[in-house]
PDB file of N, CA and C in Angstrom:
ATOM      1  N   MET A   1       0.933  -1.076  -0.210  1.00  0.00           N
ATOM      2  CA  MET A   1      -0.594   0.173  -0.251  1.00  0.00           C
ATOM      3  C   MET A   1       0.859   0.765   0.385  1.00  0.00           C
ATOM      4  N   SER A   2       0.873   2.200  -0.626  1.00  0.00           N
ATOM      5  CA  SER A   2       1.260   3.595  -0.639  1.00  0.00           C
ATOM      6  C   SER A   2       0.220   4.902   0.079  1.00  0.00           C
ATOM      7  N   ASP A   3       1.443   5.409   0.627  1.00  0.00           N
ATOM      8  CA  ASP A   3       0.315   6.842   1.765  1.00  0.00           C
ATOM      9  C   ASP A   3       1.468   8.070   1.091  1.00  0.00           C
ATOM     10  N   PRO A   4       0.329   8.269  -0.676  1.00  0.00           N
ATOM     11  CA  PRO A   4       0.397   9.096  -1.305  1.00  0.00           C
ATOM     12  C   PRO A   4       1.199  11.079   0.310  1.00  0.00           C
ATOM     13  N   ALA A   5       0.134  11.248   0.999  1.00  0.00           N
ATOM     14  CA  ALA A   5       0.272  12.462   1.672  1.00  0.00           C
ATOM     15  C   ALA A   5       1.573  12.226   3.083  1.00  0.00           C
ATOM     16  N   GLY A   6       1.777  10.732   3.136  1.00  0.00           N
ATOM     17  CA  GLY A   6       2.763  10.313   4.331  1.00  0.00           C
ATOM     18  C   GLY A   6       4.381  10.966   3.322  1.00  0.00           C
ATOM     19  N   ALA A   7       4.253  10.334   2.135  1.00  0.00           N
ATOM     20  CA  ALA A   7       5.677  10.795   1.100  1.00  0.00           C
ATOM     21  C   ALA A   7       5.815  11.542   0.892  1.00  0.00           C
ATOM     22  N   ARG A   8       4.762  12.434   0.422  1.00  0.00           N
ATOM     23  CA  ARG A   8       4.470  14.506   0.492  1.00  0.00           C
ATOM     24  C   ARG A   8       5.534  14.627   2.224  1.00  0.00           C
ATOM     25  N   ARG A   9       4.807  14.417   2.998  1.00  0.00           N
ATOM     26  CA  ARG A   9       5.261  14.696   4.136  1.00  0.00           C
ATOM     27  C   ARG A   9       6.782  14.824   4.549  1.00  0.00           C
ATOM     28  N   LEU A  10       7.699  13.838   3.643  1.00  0.00           N
ATOM     29  CA  LEU A  10       8.887  13.704   4.348  1.00  0.00           C
ATOM     30  C   LEU A  10       9.439  13.716   3.300  1.00  0.00           C
ATOM     31  N   GLY A  11       9.364  14.184   1.944  1.00  0.00           N
ATOM     32  CA  GLY A  11       9.370  14.883   1.015  1.00  0.00           C
ATOM     33  C   GLY A  11       9.617  16.581   1.736  1.00  0.00           C
ATOM     34  N   ASN A  12       8.402  17.242   1.929  1.00  0.00           N
ATOM     35  CA  ASN A  12       9.094  18.628   2.169  1.00  0.00           C
ATOM     36  C   ASN A  12       9.730  18.822   3.118  1.00  0.00           C
ATOM     37  N   ALA A  13       9.523  17.308   3.920  1.00  0.00           N
ATOM     38  CA  ALA A  13      10.631  18.017   5.442  1.00  0.00           C
ATOM     39  C   ALA A  13      12.053  17.301   5.104  1.00  0.00           C
ATOM     40  N   SER A  14      11.923  16.837   3.870  1.00  0.00           N
ATOM     41  CA  SER A  14      13.740  16.455   3.044  1.00  0.00           C
ATOM     42  C   SER A  14      13.682  17.540   2.530  1.00  0.00           C
ATOM     43  N   ILE A  15      13.066  18.723   2.533  1.00  0.00           N
ATOM     44  CA  ILE A  15      13.854  19.832   1.794  1.00  0.00           C
ATOM     45  C   ILE A  15      14.443  20.353   2.754  1.00  0.00           C
ATOM     46  N   GLY A  16      13.231  21.141   3.583  1.00  0.00           N
ATOM     47  CA  GLY A  16      13.496  21.326   5.032  1.00  0.00           C
ATOM     48  C   GLY A  16      14.886  21.562   5.333  1.00  0.00           C
ATOM     49  N   VAL A  17      14.869  20.671   5.341  1.00  0.00           N
ATOM     50  CA  VAL A  17      16.329  20.420   6.281  1.00  0.00           C
ATOM     51  C   VAL A  17      17.646  20.358   4.989  1.00  0.00           C
ATOM     52  N   SER A  18      17.294  20.614   4.366  1.00  0.00           N
ATOM     53  CA  SER A  18      18.258  20.938   2.952  1.00  0.00           C
ATOM     54  C   SER A  18      18.633  21.943   2.968  1.00  0.00           C
ATOM     55  N   VAL A  19      17.342  22.637   2.967  1.00  0.00           N
ATOM     56  CA  VAL A  19      17.524  24.198   2.668  1.00  0.00           C
ATOM     57  C   VAL A  19      18.277  24.870   4.276  1.00  0.00           C
ATOM     58  N   ALA A  20      18.352  24.110   5.579  1.00  0.00           N
ATOM     59  CA  ALA A  20      18.637  24.304   6.760  1.00  0.00           C
ATOM     60  C   ALA A  20      19.548  24.166   6.864  1.00  0.00           C
ATOM     61  N   GLY A  21      20.006  22.808   6.359  1.00  0.00           N
ATOM     62  CA  GLY A  21      22.302  22.758   6.120  1.00  0.00           C
ATOM     63  C   GLY A  21      22.841  23.730   5.140  1.00  0.00           C
ATOM     64  N   ILE A  22      21.704  23.974   4.071  1.00  0.00           N
ATOM     65  CA  ILE A  22      22.587  25.034   2.662  1.00  0.00           C
ATOM     66  C   ILE A  22      22.539  26.038   3.702  1.00  0.00           C
ATOM     67  N   VAL A  23      22.157  27.042   4.372  1.00  0.00           N
ATOM     68  CA  VAL A  23      22.024  27.814   5.183  1.00  0.00           C
ATOM     69  C   VAL A  23      22.952  28.323   6.238  1.00  0.00           C
ATOM     70  N   ILE A  24      23.013  27.071   6.612  1.00  0.00           N
ATOM     71  CA  ILE A  24      23.689  27.105   8.123  1.00  0.00           C
ATOM     72  C   ILE A  24      24.818  26.845   7.613  1.00  0.00           C
ATOM     73  N   SER A  25      25.601  25.964   7.271  1.00  0.00           N
ATOM     74  CA  SER A  25      26.681  26.419   5.755  1.00  0.00           C
ATOM     75  C   SER A  25      27.396  27.699   5.220  1.00  0.00           C
ATOM     76  N   VAL A  26      26.275  28.147   5.235  1.00  0.00           N
ATOM     77  CA  VAL A  26      26.661  29.677   4.002  1.00  0.00           C
ATOM     78  C   VAL A  26      27.075  30.332   5.544  1.00  0.00           C
ATOM     79  N   ILE A  27      26.345  29.968   6.888  1.00  0.00           N
ATOM     80  CA  ILE A  27      26.764  30.973   7.485  1.00  0.00           C
ATOM     81  C   ILE A  27      28.689  30.915   8.257  1.00  0.00           C
ATOM     82  N   ILE A  28      28.074  29.068   8.842  1.00  0.00           N
ATOM     83  CA  ILE A  28      29.506  29.251   8.932  1.00  0.00           C
ATOM     84  C   ILE A  28      31.075  29.574   8.326  1.00  0.00           C
ATOM     85  N   VAL A  29      30.238  28.966   6.701  1.00  0.00           N
ATOM     86  CA  VAL A  29      31.519  29.741   6.167  1.00  0.00           C
ATOM     87  C   VAL A  29      31.778  30.755   6.224  1.00  0.00           C
ATOM     88  N   ILE A  30      30.708  32.408   6.509  1.00  0.00           N
ATOM     89  CA  ILE A  30      31.259  33.635   5.912  1.00  0.00           C
ATOM     90  C   ILE A  30      30.994  34.075   7.235  1.00  0.00           C
ATOM     91  N   ILE A  31      31.425  32.899   8.399  1.00  0.00           N
ATOM     92  CA  ILE A  31      31.595  33.776  10.062  1.00  0.00           C
ATOM     93  C   ILE A  31      33.422  33.627  10.318  1.00  0.00           C
ATOM     94  N   LEU A  32      33.840  32.258   9.428  1.00  0.00           N
ATOM     95  CA  LEU A  32      35.117  31.505   9.134  1.00  0.00           C
ATOM     96  C   LEU A  32      35.757  32.452   8.687  1.00  0.00           C
ATOM     97  N   ALA A  33      35.391  32.566   7.723  1.00  0.00           N
ATOM     98  CA  ALA A  33      35.945  33.852   6.295  1.00  0.00           C
ATOM     99  C   ALA A  33      36.388  35.205   7.509  1.00  0.00           C
ATOM    100  N   ALA A  34      35.277  35.964   6.960  1.00  0.00           N
ATOM    101  CA  ALA A  34      35.306  37.552   8.477  1.00  0.00           C
ATOM    102  C   ALA A  34      36.766  37.029   9.900  1.00  0.00           C
ATOM    103  N   LEU A  35      36.791  35.653  11.178  1.00  0.00           N
ATOM    104  CA  LEU A  35      37.451  34.985  10.928  1.00  0.00           C
ATOM    105  C   LEU A  35      39.161  35.506  11.017  1.00  0.00           C
ATOM    106  N   LEU A  36      39.680  34.492   9.711  1.00  0.00           N
ATOM    107  CA  LEU A  36      40.627  34.389   8.943  1.00  0.00           C
ATOM    108  C   LEU A  36      40.881  35.801   8.711  1.00  0.00           C
ATOM    109  N   ALA A  37      40.421  36.519   8.172  1.00  0.00           N
ATOM    110  CA  ALA A  37      40.664  37.682   7.134  1.00  0.00           C
ATOM    111  C   ALA A  37      40.845  38.811   9.234  1.00  0.00           C
ATOM    112  N   THR A  38      40.190  38.786  10.111  1.00  0.00           N
ATOM    113  CA  THR A  38      40.577  39.633  11.094  1.00  0.00           C
ATOM    114  C   THR A  38      41.651  39.256  12.192  1.00  0.00           C
ATOM    115  N   SER A  39      41.929  37.820  11.838  1.00  0.00           N
ATOM    116  CA  SER A  39      43.638  37.151  12.673  1.00  0.00           C
ATOM    117  C   SER A  39      44.323  37.567  12.186  1.00  0.00           C
ATOM    118  N   SER A  40      44.413  37.641  10.374  1.00  0.00           N
ATOM    119  CA  SER A  40      45.751  37.918  10.038  1.00  0.00           C
ATOM    120  C   SER A  40      46.850  39.419  10.323  1.00  0.00           C
ATOM    121  N   CYS A  41      45.273  40.221  10.861  1.00  0.00           N
ATOM    122  CA  CYS A  41      45.973  41.303  10.663  1.00  0.00           C
ATOM    123  C   CYS A  41      46.935  41.640  12.493  1.00  0.00           C
ATOM    124  N   LEU A  42      47.854  41.913  11.744  1.00  0.00           N
ATOM    125  CA  LEU A  42      48.680  41.611  13.806  1.00  0.00           C
ATOM    126  C   LEU A  42      48.317  43.616  13.942  1.00  0.00           C
ATOM    127  N   TYR A  43      48.360  44.459  13.168  1.00  0.00           N
ATOM    128  CA  TYR A  43      48.123  45.912  14.072  1.00  0.00           C
ATOM    129  C   TYR A  43      47.703  46.049  13.125  1.00  0.00           C
ATOM    130  N   SER A  44      46.249  47.291  13.214  1.00  0.00           N
ATOM    131  CA  SER A  44      45.611  47.784  11.853  1.00  0.00           C
ATOM    132  C   SER A  44      45.573  49.461  12.864  1.00  0.00           C
ATOM    133  N   TYR A  45      45.815  50.650  11.642  1.00  0.00           N
ATOM    134  CA  TYR A  45      45.401  51.475  11.847  1.00  0.00           C
ATOM    135  C   TYR A  45      44.563  51.851  10.254  1.00  0.00           C
ATOM    136  N   ASN A  46      43.323  53.031  10.640  1.00  0.00           N
ATOM    137  CA  ASN A  46      42.860  53.824  10.120  1.00  0.00           C
ATOM    138  C   ASN A  46      42.142  52.333   8.923  1.00  0.00           C
ATOM    139  N   GLY A  47      41.940  51.590   9.987  1.00  0.00           N
ATOM    140  CA  GLY A  47      41.345  50.141   9.091  1.00  0.00           C
ATOM    141  C   GLY A  47      42.415  49.183   7.629  1.00  0.00           C
ATOM    142  N   ILE A  48      43.648  49.888   7.946  1.00  0.00           N
ATOM    143  CA  ILE A  48      44.473  49.327   7.333  1.00  0.00           C
ATOM    144  C   ILE A  48      45.373  48.540   8.178  1.00  0.00           C
ATOM    145  N   CYS A  49      45.804  47.164   7.289  1.00  0.00           N
ATOM    146  CA  CYS A  49      46.078  46.146   8.755  1.00  0.00           C
ATOM    147  C   CYS A  49      47.883  45.978   8.447  1.00  0.00           C
ATOM    148  N   TYR A  50      48.837  46.496   9.540  1.00  0.00           N
ATOM    149  CA  TYR A  50      49.611  46.501   9.186  1.00  0.00           C
ATOM    150  C   TYR A  50      50.417  45.519  10.257  1.00  0.00           C
ATOM    151  N   ASP A  51      52.152  44.587   9.809  1.00  0.00           N
ATOM    152  CA  ASP A  51      52.346  43.383  10.220  1.00  0.00           C
ATOM    153  C   ASP A  51      53.836  44.388  11.630  1.00  0.00           C
ATOM    154  N   HIS A  52      54.042  45.390  11.138  1.00  0.00           N
ATOM    155  CA  HIS A  52      54.784  45.773  12.161  1.00  0.00           C
ATOM    156  C   HIS A  52      54.056  46.650  13.196  1.00  0.00           C
ATOM    157  N   LYS A  53      54.746  47.637  14.206  1.00  0.00           N
ATOM    158  CA  LYS A  53      54.223  48.399  15.037  1.00  0.00           C
ATOM    159  C   LYS A  53      55.652  48.368  16.211  1.00  0.00           C
ATOM    160  N   GLU A  54      56.429  49.966  15.894  1.00  0.00           N
ATOM    161  CA  GLU A  54      57.194  50.134  16.175  1.00  0.00           C
ATOM    162  C   GLU A  54      57.093  51.474  17.718  1.00  0.00           C
ATOM    163  N   TYR A  55      58.141  52.026  18.453  1.00  0.00           N
ATOM    164  CA  TYR A  55      57.094  53.155  18.779  1.00  0.00           C
ATOM    165  C   TYR A  55      58.746  53.647  18.664  1.00  0.00           C
ATOM    166  N   VAL A  56      58.622  55.167  18.257  1.00  0.00           N
ATOM    167  CA  VAL A  56      59.616  55.844  18.060  1.00  0.00           C
ATOM    168  C   VAL A  56      59.474  57.167  18.712  1.00  0.00           C
ATOM    169  N   GLY A  57      57.756  58.088  19.775  1.00  0.00           N
ATOM    170  CA  GLY A  57      57.930  58.533  19.925  1.00  0.00           C
ATOM    171  C   GLY A  57      57.445  59.563  19.433  1.00  0.00           C
ATOM    172  N   THR A  58      57.845  60.995  19.740  1.00  0.00           N
ATOM    173  CA  THR A  58      57.013  62.408  19.685  1.00  0.00           C
ATOM    174  C   THR A  58      57.522  62.782  18.610  1.00  0.00           C
ATOM    175  N   TYR A  59      59.154  62.901  18.647  1.00  0.00           N
ATOM    176  CA  TYR A  59      59.480  63.436  17.434  1.00  0.00           C
ATOM    177  C   TYR A  59      60.251  62.365  16.731  1.00  0.00           C
ATOM    178  N   GLY A  60      60.305  60.789  16.519  1.00  0.00           N
ATOM    179  CA  GLY A  60      60.996  59.748  15.734  1.00  0.00           C
ATOM    180  C   GLY A  60      60.372  59.990  14.523  1.00  0.00           C
ATOM    181  N   TYR A  61      61.246  59.490  13.849  1.00  0.00           N
ATOM    182  CA  TYR A  61      60.448  59.320  12.515  1.00  0.00           C
ATOM    183  C   TYR A  61      60.117  58.140  12.032  1.00  0.00           C
ATOM    184  N   CYS A  62      59.516  57.443  10.921  1.00  0.00           N
ATOM    185  CA  CYS A  62      58.789  56.874  10.386  1.00  0.00           C
ATOM    186  C   CYS A  62      59.683  56.206   9.293  1.00  0.00           C
ATOM    187  N   TYR A  63      60.600  55.269   8.562  1.00  0.00           N
ATOM    188  CA  TYR A  63      61.250  55.100   7.504  1.00  0.00           C
ATOM    189  C   TYR A  63      60.236  54.129   6.524  1.00  0.00           C
ATOM    190  N   GLY A  64      59.300  54.662   5.166  1.00  0.00           N
ATOM    191  CA  GLY A  64      58.741  54.256   4.686  1.00  0.00           C
ATOM    192  C   GLY A  64      57.017  52.996   5.583  1.00  0.00           C
ATOM    193  N   GLY A  65      56.976  54.223   6.828  1.00  0.00           N
ATOM    194  CA  GLY A  65      55.537  53.893   7.618  1.00  0.00           C
ATOM    195  C   GLY A  65      54.566  55.390   7.548  1.00  0.00           C
ATOM    196  N   VAL A  66      53.880  54.831   8.240  1.00  0.00           N
ATOM    197  CA  VAL A  66      52.809  55.068   8.760  1.00  0.00           C
ATOM    198  C   VAL A  66      52.654  55.414  10.545  1.00  0.00           C
ATOM    199  N   LYS A  67      53.467  56.840  11.221  1.00  0.00           N
ATOM    200  CA  LYS A  67      53.466  57.301  12.161  1.00  0.00           C
ATOM    201  C   LYS A  67      51.815  57.622  13.158  1.00  0.00           C
ATOM    202  N   SER A  68      52.175  57.379  14.549  1.00  0.00           N
ATOM    203  CA  SER A  68      50.725  58.119  14.897  1.00  0.00           C
ATOM    204  C   SER A  68      50.678  57.454  16.172  1.00  0.00           C
ATOM    205  N   GLY A  69      50.403  58.815  16.822  1.00  0.00           N
ATOM    206  CA  GLY A  69      50.523  58.322  18.396  1.00  0.00           C
ATOM    207  C   GLY A  69      51.987  58.464  19.012  1.00  0.00           C
ATOM    208  N   GLY A  70      53.180  58.518  18.404  1.00  0.00           N
ATOM    209  CA  GLY A  70      54.093  58.473  18.654  1.00  0.00           C
ATOM    210  C   GLY A  70      55.012  56.563  17.886  1.00  0.00           C
ATOM    211  N   TYR A  71      53.749  55.929  17.161  1.00  0.00           N
ATOM    212  CA  TYR A  71      54.407  54.382  16.865  1.00  0.00           C
ATOM    213  C   TYR A  71      54.210  54.310  15.604  1.00  0.00           C
ATOM    214  N   CYS A  72      54.795  53.749  14.322  1.00  0.00           N
ATOM    215  CA  CYS A  72      55.012  53.154  13.737  1.00  0.00           C
ATOM    216  C   CYS A  72      54.947  52.601  12.750  1.00  0.00           C
ATOM    217  N   TYR A  73      53.646  52.274  12.003  1.00  0.00           N
ATOM    218  CA  TYR A  73      53.642  51.303  11.737  1.00  0.00           C
ATOM    219  C   TYR A  73      54.138  51.150  10.060  1.00  0.00           C
ATOM    220  N   TYR A  74      54.961  49.091   9.773  1.00  0.00           N
ATOM    221  CA  TYR A  74      54.933  49.608   8.866  1.00  0.00           C
ATOM    222  C   TYR A  74      54.179  47.790   7.603  1.00  0.00           C
TER     223      TYR A  74
END
């Protein structure tokens, strides 16, 4: 004996679970991408990532870097 109504319910449930899995996967990928992007930035100044931060004081000079608050960002 077949149960068309039951088969339809199982089919709809399967579609719902599949869609939920896809949505959750996309959210996880976005979160991981954001974490990786922020973790690779050691120092940030004005929204730009720098690898090195060195204190040079008020009158120190930055050779090829950006100076702010007595620090050079390279």
